[in-house]
Each structure stands twice: as structure tokens, then as C-alpha cells.
N, C-alpha and C. Protein backbone atom coordinates (compact mmCIF):
# COMPACT_ATOMS: atom_id res chain seq x y z
N UNK A 1 3.61 195.64 82.15
CA UNK A 1 4.03 194.56 81.30
C UNK A 1 3.53 193.22 81.83
N UNK A 2 3.63 193.04 83.13
CA UNK A 2 3.27 191.75 83.73
C UNK A 2 1.84 191.35 83.36
N UNK A 3 0.92 192.32 83.35
CA UNK A 3 -0.49 192.02 83.04
C UNK A 3 -0.72 191.80 81.54
N UNK A 4 0.27 192.14 80.72
CA UNK A 4 0.16 192.02 79.26
C UNK A 4 -1.08 192.77 78.76
N UNK A 5 -1.31 193.96 79.31
CA UNK A 5 -2.49 194.78 79.01
C UNK A 5 -2.15 195.78 77.90
N UNK A 6 -2.44 195.40 76.68
CA UNK A 6 -2.10 196.23 75.52
C UNK A 6 -2.85 197.56 75.56
N UNK A 7 -4.12 197.55 75.93
CA UNK A 7 -4.90 198.79 75.97
C UNK A 7 -4.31 199.77 76.98
N UNK A 8 -3.87 199.27 78.11
CA UNK A 8 -3.27 200.16 79.12
C UNK A 8 -1.96 200.75 78.61
N UNK A 9 -1.13 199.93 77.97
CA UNK A 9 0.12 200.44 77.40
C UNK A 9 -0.16 201.49 76.33
N UNK A 10 -1.14 201.22 75.46
CA UNK A 10 -1.48 202.18 74.40
C UNK A 10 -1.99 203.49 74.99
N UNK A 11 -2.63 203.44 76.14
CA UNK A 11 -3.11 204.65 76.80
C UNK A 11 -1.99 205.51 77.37
N UNK A 12 -0.79 204.98 77.43
CA UNK A 12 0.36 205.70 77.97
C UNK A 12 1.18 206.41 76.91
N UNK A 13 0.77 206.29 75.63
CA UNK A 13 1.55 206.88 74.54
C UNK A 13 0.70 207.90 73.77
N UNK A 14 1.39 208.85 73.12
CA UNK A 14 0.71 209.81 72.26
C UNK A 14 0.29 209.12 70.96
N UNK A 15 -0.65 209.73 70.25
CA UNK A 15 -1.09 209.15 68.97
C UNK A 15 0.05 209.06 67.96
N UNK A 16 0.99 210.02 68.03
CA UNK A 16 2.09 210.07 67.06
C UNK A 16 3.41 209.54 67.64
N UNK A 17 3.33 208.68 68.63
CA UNK A 17 4.51 208.14 69.29
C UNK A 17 5.46 207.48 68.28
N UNK A 18 6.76 207.55 68.58
CA UNK A 18 7.78 206.83 67.80
C UNK A 18 8.71 206.17 68.81
N UNK A 19 8.81 204.84 68.72
CA UNK A 19 9.77 204.09 69.52
C UNK A 19 10.83 203.52 68.58
N UNK A 20 12.07 203.55 69.02
CA UNK A 20 13.20 203.03 68.25
C UNK A 20 13.82 201.87 69.04
N UNK A 21 13.24 200.67 68.91
CA UNK A 21 13.76 199.53 69.65
C UNK A 21 15.05 199.00 69.03
N UNK A 22 15.89 198.42 69.87
CA UNK A 22 17.14 197.83 69.39
C UNK A 22 16.84 196.69 68.42
N UNK A 23 17.54 196.66 67.31
CA UNK A 23 17.49 195.57 66.32
C UNK A 23 16.14 195.41 65.61
N UNK A 24 15.27 196.40 65.70
CA UNK A 24 13.97 196.32 65.02
C UNK A 24 13.67 197.65 64.35
N UNK A 25 12.78 197.66 63.35
CA UNK A 25 12.39 198.92 62.71
C UNK A 25 11.65 199.82 63.69
N UNK A 26 11.59 201.12 63.40
CA UNK A 26 10.83 202.04 64.25
C UNK A 26 9.37 201.61 64.38
N UNK A 27 8.79 201.89 65.53
CA UNK A 27 7.37 201.67 65.78
C UNK A 27 6.74 203.05 65.79
N UNK A 28 5.88 203.33 64.80
CA UNK A 28 5.32 204.67 64.64
C UNK A 28 3.81 204.66 64.84
N UNK A 29 3.35 205.40 65.83
CA UNK A 29 1.92 205.57 66.06
C UNK A 29 1.35 204.58 67.06
N UNK A 30 0.25 205.01 67.70
CA UNK A 30 -0.39 204.20 68.74
C UNK A 30 -0.85 202.85 68.21
N UNK A 31 -1.40 202.81 66.99
CA UNK A 31 -1.87 201.54 66.43
C UNK A 31 -0.71 200.56 66.23
N UNK A 32 0.43 201.06 65.82
CA UNK A 32 1.60 200.20 65.65
C UNK A 32 2.09 199.68 67.00
N UNK A 33 2.01 200.50 68.04
CA UNK A 33 2.37 200.06 69.39
C UNK A 33 1.44 198.92 69.82
N UNK A 34 0.14 199.09 69.59
CA UNK A 34 -0.83 198.05 69.94
C UNK A 34 -0.53 196.74 69.21
N UNK A 35 -0.28 196.83 67.91
CA UNK A 35 0.00 195.63 67.11
C UNK A 35 1.30 194.96 67.56
N UNK A 36 2.33 195.76 67.81
CA UNK A 36 3.62 195.21 68.22
C UNK A 36 3.51 194.48 69.55
N UNK A 37 2.87 195.10 70.54
CA UNK A 37 2.77 194.47 71.85
C UNK A 37 1.81 193.29 71.85
N UNK A 38 0.78 193.32 71.04
CA UNK A 38 -0.11 192.16 70.93
C UNK A 38 0.68 190.96 70.44
N UNK A 39 1.48 191.14 69.39
CA UNK A 39 2.31 190.06 68.87
C UNK A 39 3.38 189.62 69.85
N UNK A 40 3.99 190.58 70.52
CA UNK A 40 5.05 190.28 71.50
C UNK A 40 4.49 189.45 72.65
N UNK A 41 3.40 189.91 73.25
CA UNK A 41 2.82 189.21 74.40
C UNK A 41 2.32 187.82 74.04
N UNK A 42 1.88 187.63 72.80
CA UNK A 42 1.36 186.32 72.37
C UNK A 42 2.44 185.24 72.39
N UNK A 43 3.71 185.64 72.36
CA UNK A 43 4.82 184.68 72.33
C UNK A 43 5.24 184.16 73.70
N UNK A 44 4.79 184.84 74.78
CA UNK A 44 5.33 184.55 76.10
C UNK A 44 4.22 184.31 77.12
N UNK A 45 4.42 183.30 77.97
CA UNK A 45 3.45 183.04 79.04
C UNK A 45 3.66 183.98 80.21
N UNK A 46 4.85 184.55 80.32
CA UNK A 46 5.16 185.47 81.41
C UNK A 46 6.12 186.54 80.91
N UNK A 47 5.83 187.79 81.28
CA UNK A 47 6.70 188.93 80.95
C UNK A 47 6.90 189.73 82.23
N UNK A 48 8.11 189.76 82.72
CA UNK A 48 8.44 190.51 83.94
C UNK A 48 9.43 191.61 83.57
N UNK A 49 9.16 192.84 83.99
CA UNK A 49 10.05 193.95 83.69
C UNK A 49 10.36 194.71 84.97
N UNK A 50 11.63 195.05 85.14
CA UNK A 50 12.07 195.91 86.23
C UNK A 50 12.80 197.08 85.60
N UNK A 51 12.41 198.31 85.97
CA UNK A 51 13.04 199.50 85.41
C UNK A 51 13.58 200.37 86.54
N UNK A 52 14.73 200.96 86.29
CA UNK A 52 15.33 201.91 87.22
C UNK A 52 15.51 203.23 86.48
N UNK A 53 14.84 204.27 86.94
CA UNK A 53 14.96 205.59 86.33
C UNK A 53 16.12 206.30 87.00
N UNK A 54 17.08 206.74 86.19
CA UNK A 54 18.28 207.40 86.70
C UNK A 54 18.13 208.92 86.76
N UNK A 55 17.35 209.47 85.82
CA UNK A 55 17.23 210.93 85.76
C UNK A 55 15.93 211.30 85.07
N UNK A 56 15.31 212.37 85.57
CA UNK A 56 14.13 212.96 84.93
C UNK A 56 14.37 214.46 84.86
N UNK A 57 14.13 215.04 83.70
CA UNK A 57 14.22 216.49 83.51
C UNK A 57 12.93 216.96 82.85
N UNK A 58 12.40 218.09 83.30
CA UNK A 58 11.18 218.65 82.74
C UNK A 58 11.48 220.04 82.21
N UNK A 59 11.00 220.32 80.99
CA UNK A 59 11.16 221.63 80.37
C UNK A 59 9.84 222.00 79.71
N UNK A 60 9.00 222.73 80.41
CA UNK A 60 7.70 223.12 79.86
C UNK A 60 6.79 221.93 79.66
N UNK A 61 6.35 221.76 78.42
CA UNK A 61 5.42 220.68 78.08
C UNK A 61 6.12 219.36 77.75
N UNK A 62 7.44 219.36 77.88
CA UNK A 62 8.23 218.17 77.54
C UNK A 62 9.04 217.71 78.74
N UNK A 63 9.31 216.42 78.78
CA UNK A 63 10.18 215.86 79.81
C UNK A 63 10.97 214.71 79.19
N UNK A 64 12.15 214.45 79.75
CA UNK A 64 12.87 213.25 79.32
C UNK A 64 13.32 212.49 80.54
N UNK A 65 13.48 211.20 80.34
CA UNK A 65 14.02 210.36 81.40
C UNK A 65 14.90 209.31 80.76
N UNK A 66 15.85 208.84 81.53
CA UNK A 66 16.67 207.72 81.07
C UNK A 66 16.94 206.79 82.24
N UNK A 67 17.25 205.55 81.90
CA UNK A 67 17.51 204.57 82.93
C UNK A 67 17.84 203.21 82.33
N UNK A 68 17.69 202.19 83.16
CA UNK A 68 18.00 200.83 82.73
C UNK A 68 16.81 199.93 83.01
N UNK A 69 16.80 198.79 82.35
CA UNK A 69 15.70 197.84 82.56
C UNK A 69 16.20 196.42 82.40
N UNK A 70 15.48 195.52 83.04
CA UNK A 70 15.69 194.09 82.89
C UNK A 70 14.34 193.46 82.58
N UNK A 71 14.30 192.55 81.62
CA UNK A 71 13.09 191.80 81.30
C UNK A 71 13.41 190.32 81.39
N UNK A 72 12.46 189.57 81.93
CA UNK A 72 12.55 188.11 81.94
C UNK A 72 11.30 187.60 81.24
N UNK A 73 11.52 186.84 80.16
CA UNK A 73 10.43 186.34 79.31
C UNK A 73 10.41 184.82 79.36
N UNK A 74 9.22 184.26 79.54
CA UNK A 74 9.06 182.81 79.54
C UNK A 74 8.31 182.44 78.26
N UNK A 75 8.96 181.77 77.31
CA UNK A 75 8.33 181.45 76.03
C UNK A 75 7.15 180.48 76.19
N UNK A 76 6.10 180.71 75.41
CA UNK A 76 4.96 179.78 75.37
C UNK A 76 5.39 178.40 74.91
N UNK A 77 6.37 178.36 74.01
CA UNK A 77 6.81 177.10 73.42
C UNK A 77 7.66 176.27 74.37
N UNK A 78 7.93 176.79 75.55
CA UNK A 78 8.78 176.08 76.50
C UNK A 78 10.22 176.47 76.33
N UNK A 79 11.08 175.77 76.99
CA UNK A 79 12.50 176.09 76.94
C UNK A 79 12.86 177.08 78.02
N UNK A 80 14.14 177.47 78.04
CA UNK A 80 14.60 178.37 79.11
C UNK A 80 14.02 179.77 78.96
N UNK A 81 13.91 180.47 80.07
CA UNK A 81 13.46 181.86 80.02
C UNK A 81 14.56 182.71 79.38
N UNK A 82 14.17 183.86 78.89
CA UNK A 82 15.08 184.79 78.22
C UNK A 82 15.21 186.01 79.12
N UNK A 83 16.45 186.41 79.41
CA UNK A 83 16.68 187.60 80.22
C UNK A 83 17.35 188.65 79.34
N UNK A 84 16.77 189.85 79.33
CA UNK A 84 17.30 190.95 78.53
C UNK A 84 17.59 192.12 79.47
N UNK A 85 18.73 192.76 79.23
CA UNK A 85 19.09 193.95 79.99
C UNK A 85 19.46 195.04 79.01
N UNK A 86 19.13 196.27 79.36
CA UNK A 86 19.47 197.37 78.48
C UNK A 86 19.26 198.72 79.14
N UNK A 87 19.45 199.74 78.32
CA UNK A 87 19.26 201.12 78.76
C UNK A 87 18.32 201.81 77.78
N UNK A 88 17.69 202.88 78.22
CA UNK A 88 16.79 203.58 77.33
C UNK A 88 16.59 205.03 77.72
N UNK A 89 16.05 205.78 76.78
CA UNK A 89 15.69 207.17 77.01
C UNK A 89 14.31 207.40 76.43
N UNK A 90 13.49 208.13 77.17
CA UNK A 90 12.13 208.43 76.72
C UNK A 90 11.88 209.92 76.80
N UNK A 91 11.08 210.41 75.86
CA UNK A 91 10.62 211.80 75.86
C UNK A 91 9.11 211.75 76.05
N UNK A 92 8.63 212.51 77.01
CA UNK A 92 7.20 212.56 77.31
C UNK A 92 6.65 213.94 77.00
N UNK A 93 5.37 213.99 76.63
CA UNK A 93 4.70 215.25 76.34
C UNK A 93 3.52 215.40 77.30
N UNK A 94 3.41 216.59 77.92
CA UNK A 94 2.29 216.86 78.80
C UNK A 94 1.02 217.03 77.96
N UNK A 95 -0.05 216.39 78.39
CA UNK A 95 -1.33 216.45 77.69
C UNK A 95 -2.17 217.60 78.23
N UNK A 96 -3.22 217.96 77.52
CA UNK A 96 -4.07 219.08 77.94
C UNK A 96 -4.71 218.84 79.30
N UNK A 97 -4.88 217.58 79.70
CA UNK A 97 -5.46 217.26 81.02
C UNK A 97 -4.40 217.24 82.13
N UNK A 98 -3.14 217.55 81.77
CA UNK A 98 -2.05 217.58 82.75
C UNK A 98 -1.29 216.27 82.88
N UNK A 99 -1.79 215.20 82.28
CA UNK A 99 -1.08 213.91 82.34
C UNK A 99 0.11 213.93 81.39
N UNK A 100 1.00 212.97 81.57
CA UNK A 100 2.17 212.82 80.72
C UNK A 100 2.05 211.53 79.93
N UNK A 101 2.40 211.59 78.63
CA UNK A 101 2.40 210.39 77.80
C UNK A 101 3.73 210.30 77.05
N UNK A 102 4.13 209.05 76.80
CA UNK A 102 5.36 208.81 76.04
C UNK A 102 5.16 209.26 74.60
N UNK A 103 6.09 210.09 74.10
CA UNK A 103 6.03 210.58 72.72
C UNK A 103 7.15 209.98 71.86
N UNK A 104 8.31 209.76 72.45
CA UNK A 104 9.44 209.17 71.75
C UNK A 104 10.21 208.29 72.73
N UNK A 105 10.87 207.28 72.20
CA UNK A 105 11.68 206.43 73.05
C UNK A 105 12.69 205.65 72.24
N UNK A 106 13.82 205.40 72.85
CA UNK A 106 14.86 204.60 72.21
C UNK A 106 15.50 203.72 73.29
N UNK A 107 15.86 202.50 72.91
CA UNK A 107 16.54 201.63 73.87
C UNK A 107 17.56 200.77 73.17
N UNK A 108 18.40 200.16 73.99
CA UNK A 108 19.38 199.21 73.47
C UNK A 108 19.34 197.97 74.35
N UNK A 109 19.90 196.92 73.88
CA UNK A 109 20.01 195.70 74.66
C UNK A 109 21.48 195.48 74.98
N UNK A 110 21.81 195.62 76.25
CA UNK A 110 23.20 195.40 76.66
C UNK A 110 23.54 193.92 76.63
N UNK A 111 22.54 193.07 76.95
CA UNK A 111 22.78 191.64 76.91
C UNK A 111 21.46 190.89 76.82
N UNK A 112 21.53 189.73 76.20
CA UNK A 112 20.38 188.82 76.11
C UNK A 112 20.90 187.44 76.49
N UNK A 113 20.24 186.81 77.47
CA UNK A 113 20.66 185.48 77.92
C UNK A 113 19.47 184.54 77.85
N UNK A 114 19.69 183.36 77.32
CA UNK A 114 18.63 182.35 77.28
C UNK A 114 18.83 181.35 78.39
């Protein structure tokens, strides 16, 4: 996130990925992920994310993980930074090359502070 590298983020998801972000419509497909993050990153001069993974389970070609995250965003327009905290769950699918990519994800925002 810190590098705001949309191509790298898109490389971490399956073509048919579905993310269910809090308070927003579903994000379906790699192209939608690219468009969403391009727009998101354009709003902030700095994006810092810290994630804590609480559990990982693997079952064949699928895995899930859940945990918590904190984001600190510095708006391009100035003003105070925005701090967001929440929890999330992700489902990953093993690829034919043995790598893992995010296939589904859902999160919530426990708090947002400006």
C-alpha cells in the first residue's frame, strides 16, 4: 500500500476476485480492483497500512485468513490525516504455479478518525 503500486496489488488477486468493502459496493474482477485503487491512491499523498493476521487455514487449493488492520491516510487536499481500523477475512486460491492469490475478501471498519 505504501508504494501505491496498483500493478503489484492487481498481481496479488485472481481475475475473478470479489472484494466486499465496508460501506461500498462489491469490487468484482481484477480490472475493477485496478480502477478502485487508482482512484483511491489519487486522493492521498500517503497511505500507511499495518495488518495483523490472527489465523490462517489451508484446505487443498483454498486458504482463508482473518485479522485486523489499521490505515493512516494523508489527504492530498490537506487537513488532518484519517485513521481507519477494522477487521477482515480473505479467501485465497492456489495458482497452477503454486503461488497464492486473493480470490474473495470482506472487511469492516471498526472506527474512522480524522
